[in-house]
C-alpha atoms as a PDB file:
ATOM      1  CA  UNK A   1     -16.456  12.743-161.571  1.00  0.00           C
ATOM      2  CA  UNK A   2     -13.286  13.562-160.769  1.00  0.00           C
ATOM      3  CA  UNK A   3     -10.025  11.429-161.093  1.00  0.00           C
ATOM      4  CA  UNK A   4      -6.835  12.264-159.380  1.00  0.00           C
ATOM      5  CA  UNK A   5      -3.485  10.767-159.830  1.00  0.00           C
ATOM      6  CA  UNK A   6      -0.235  10.885-158.285  1.00  0.00           C
ATOM      7  CA  UNK A   7       2.624  10.757-160.143  1.00  0.00           C
ATOM      8  CA  UNK A   8       6.389  10.352-158.376  1.00  0.00           C
ATOM      9  CA  UNK A   9       9.207  12.639-159.793  1.00  0.00           C
ATOM     10  CA  UNK A  10       9.822   9.743-162.162  1.00  0.00           C
ATOM     11  CA  UNK A  11       6.273   9.604-163.694  1.00  0.00           C
ATOM     12  CA  UNK A  12       5.080   6.468-161.885  1.00  0.00           C
ATOM     13  CA  UNK A  13       1.862   6.226-160.682  1.00  0.00           C
ATOM     14  CA  UNK A  14       1.740   5.673-156.557  1.00  0.00           C
ATOM     15  CA  UNK A  15      -2.284   6.986-155.886  1.00  0.00           C
ATOM     16  CA  UNK A  16      -5.137   7.366-157.511  1.00  0.00           C
ATOM     17  CA  UNK A  17      -8.965   8.734-156.444  1.00  0.00           C
ATOM     18  CA  UNK A  18     -11.988   8.931-157.465  1.00  0.00           C
ATOM     19  CA  UNK A  19     -14.737  11.164-156.185  1.00  0.00           C
ATOM     20  CA  UNK A  20     -18.628  12.242-157.026  1.00  0.00           C
ATOM     21  CA  UNK A  21     -20.356  10.860-159.668  1.00  0.00           C
ATOM     22  CA  UNK A  22     -20.480  11.691-163.430  1.00  0.00           C
ATOM     23  CA  UNK A  23     -24.241  12.983-163.817  1.00  0.00           C
ATOM     24  CA  UNK A  24     -24.536  11.754-167.479  1.00  0.00           C
ATOM     25  CA  UNK A  25     -27.599  10.231-166.633  1.00  0.00           C
ATOM     26  CA  UNK A  26     -29.356   8.507-163.900  1.00  0.00           C
ATOM     27  CA  UNK A  27     -28.000   6.749-160.979  1.00  0.00           C
ATOM     28  CA  UNK A  28     -27.951   2.793-162.280  1.00  0.00           C
ATOM     29  CA  UNK A  29     -28.030   4.606-165.862  1.00  0.00           C
ATOM     30  CA  UNK A  30     -25.074   6.389-166.119  1.00  0.00           C
ATOM     31  CA  UNK A  31     -22.781   4.778-168.606  1.00  0.00           C
ATOM     32  CA  UNK A  32     -19.669   7.261-167.844  1.00  0.00           C
ATOM     33  CA  UNK A  33     -19.735   6.271-164.429  1.00  0.00           C
ATOM     34  CA  UNK A  34     -19.958   2.583-165.065  1.00  0.00           C
ATOM     35  CA  UNK A  35     -17.145   2.598-167.275  1.00  0.00           C
ATOM     36  CA  UNK A  36     -15.106   4.694-164.899  1.00  0.00           C
ATOM     37  CA  UNK A  37     -16.202   2.576-161.925  1.00  0.00           C
ATOM     38  CA  UNK A  38     -15.300  -1.001-163.997  1.00  0.00           C
ATOM     39  CA  UNK A  39     -11.906   0.331-164.694  1.00  0.00           C
ATOM     40  CA  UNK A  40     -10.982   1.517-161.750  1.00  0.00           C
ATOM     41  CA  UNK A  41     -11.963  -1.838-159.656  1.00  0.00           C
ATOM     42  CA  UNK A  42     -10.262  -3.839-162.610  1.00  0.00           C
ATOM     43  CA  UNK A  43      -7.388  -2.063-162.018  1.00  0.00           C
ATOM     44  CA  UNK A  44      -7.553  -2.379-158.031  1.00  0.00           C
ATOM     45  CA  UNK A  45      -8.412  -6.202-158.405  1.00  0.00           C
ATOM     46  CA  UNK A  46      -5.247  -6.680-160.810  1.00  0.00           C
ATOM     47  CA  UNK A  47      -3.095  -4.745-158.457  1.00  0.00           C
ATOM     48  CA  UNK A  48      -4.304  -7.080-155.436  1.00  0.00           C
ATOM     49  CA  UNK A  49      -3.777 -10.250-157.642  1.00  0.00           C
ATOM     50  CA  UNK A  50      -0.600  -9.427-159.001  1.00  0.00           C
ATOM     51  CA  UNK A  51       1.489  -7.712-156.494  1.00  0.00           C
ATOM     52  CA  UNK A  52       3.031  -9.591-153.457  1.00  0.00           C
ATOM     53  CA  UNK A  53       1.561  -6.632-151.044  1.00  0.00           C
ATOM     54  CA  UNK A  54      -2.174  -5.464-151.901  1.00  0.00           C
ATOM     55  CA  UNK A  55      -2.483  -1.503-152.223  1.00  0.00           C
ATOM     56  CA  UNK A  56      -4.378   0.302-149.510  1.00  0.00           C
ATOM     57  CA  UNK A  57      -7.779   0.765-150.834  1.00  0.00           C
ATOM     58  CA  UNK A  58     -10.516   2.503-149.477  1.00  0.00           C
ATOM     59  CA  UNK A  59     -14.096   3.091-150.758  1.00  0.00           C
ATOM     60  CA  UNK A  60     -17.314   4.937-149.895  1.00  0.00           C
ATOM     61  CA  UNK A  61     -20.398   6.401-151.869  1.00  0.00           C
ATOM     62  CA  UNK A  62     -19.050   8.112-154.671  1.00  0.00           C
ATOM     63  CA  UNK A  63     -15.471   7.468-152.922  1.00  0.00           C
ATOM     64  CA  UNK A  64     -12.240   5.028-154.113  1.00  0.00           C
ATOM     65  CA  UNK A  65      -9.042   5.480-153.206  1.00  0.00           C
ATOM     66  CA  UNK A  66      -6.369   3.025-154.071  1.00  0.00           C
ATOM     67  CA  UNK A  67      -2.370   3.708-152.780  1.00  0.00           C
ATOM     68  CA  UNK A  68       0.852   2.066-153.617  1.00  0.00           C
ATOM     69  CA  UNK A  69       2.640   1.548-150.265  1.00  0.00           C
ATOM     70  CA  UNK A  70       5.813   0.794-149.827  1.00  0.00           C
ATOM     71  CA  UNK A  71       6.584  -1.284-153.079  1.00  0.00           C
ATOM     72  CA  UNK A  72       9.817  -2.553-154.288  1.00  0.00           C
ATOM     73  CA  UNK A  73      10.808  -1.341-157.774  1.00  0.00           C
ATOM     74  CA  UNK A  74      10.130  -4.555-159.656  1.00  0.00           C
ATOM     75  CA  UNK A  75       6.438  -4.499-158.123  1.00  0.00           C
ATOM     76  CA  UNK A  76       6.188  -1.069-159.255  1.00  0.00           C
ATOM     77  CA  UNK A  77       6.600  -1.633-162.738  1.00  0.00           C
ATOM     78  CA  UNK A  78       4.212  -3.961-162.686  1.00  0.00           C
ATOM     79  CA  UNK A  79       1.511  -1.995-161.345  1.00  0.00           C
ATOM     80  CA  UNK A  80       2.311   0.620-163.515  1.00  0.00           C
ATOM     81  CA  UNK A  81       0.985  -1.527-166.508  1.00  0.00           C
ATOM     82  CA  UNK A  82      -1.863  -1.744-164.540  1.00  0.00           C
ATOM     83  CA  UNK A  83      -2.767   1.695-163.689  1.00  0.00           C
ATOM     84  CA  UNK A  84      -1.598   3.369-167.149  1.00  0.00           C
ATOM     85  CA  UNK A  85      -4.154   0.791-169.007  1.00  0.00           C
ATOM     86  CA  UNK A  86      -6.861   2.352-166.331  1.00  0.00           C
ATOM     87  CA  UNK A  87      -5.613   5.969-166.911  1.00  0.00           C
ATOM     88  CA  UNK A  88      -5.755   5.188-170.836  1.00  0.00           C
ATOM     89  CA  UNK A  89      -9.145   3.838-170.343  1.00  0.00           C
ATOM     90  CA  UNK A  90     -10.353   6.708-168.153  1.00  0.00           C
ATOM     91  CA  UNK A  91      -8.947   9.377-170.391  1.00  0.00           C
ATOM     92  CA  UNK A  92     -10.898   7.477-173.748  1.00  0.00           C
ATOM     93  CA  UNK A  93     -13.844   8.049-171.793  1.00  0.00           C
ATOM     94  CA  UNK A  94     -13.285  11.323-170.790  1.00  0.00           C
ATOM     95  CA  UNK A  95     -12.373  12.277-174.867  1.00  0.00           C
ATOM     96  CA  UNK A  96     -15.667  10.457-176.256  1.00  0.00           C
ATOM     97  CA  UNK A  97     -17.972  12.147-172.959  1.00  0.00           C
ATOM     98  CA  UNK A  98     -16.178  15.180-172.338  1.00  0.00           C
ATOM     99  CA  UNK A  99     -14.602  17.064-169.084  1.00  0.00           C
ATOM    100  CA  UNK A 100     -18.024  17.800-167.917  1.00  0.00           C
ATOM    101  CA  UNK A 101     -18.569  14.310-167.068  1.00  0.00           C
ATOM    102  CA  UNK A 102     -15.101  13.356-165.768  1.00  0.00           C
ATOM    103  CA  UNK A 103     -12.176  15.776-165.173  1.00  0.00           C
ATOM    104  CA  UNK A 104      -8.780  14.479-164.418  1.00  0.00           C
ATOM    105  CA  UNK A 105      -6.452  15.964-162.583  1.00  0.00           C
ATOM    106  CA  UNK A 106      -2.606  14.961-162.312  1.00  0.00           C
ATOM    107  CA  UNK A 107      -1.004  15.846-159.018  1.00  0.00           C
ATOM    108  CA  UNK A 108       2.810  15.011-157.664  1.00  0.00           C
ATOM    109  CA  UNK A 109       3.274  12.295-155.170  1.00  0.00           C
ATOM    110  CA  UNK A 110       5.557  12.929-152.469  1.00  0.00           C
ATOM    111  CA  UNK A 111       6.347   9.936-149.812  1.00  0.00           C
ATOM    112  CA  UNK A 112       5.154  10.667-146.583  1.00  0.00           C
END
């Protein structure tokens, strides 16, 4: 499983993308996948609930992407608490289970 986090020049998370399956155990029994999925879905739910403009979300089998569209500075700050908490949780799962199951890639975000 791969997590890509796009961060802007100020260190603010603007997008994330999860793809693949962890492969720690069989489908339905994979606690790594379940933990990462729970954290990422909870983050999206929080963003949708607390921001005035919902993020753009794409979802498919083994794929989840979240993009904060045009967002005001005050709301971007709120979003950071949610997204950084998600990231910390996923980093802890990576520390516990290893990069063989979850790989985190940070990339520079540039506005379109």
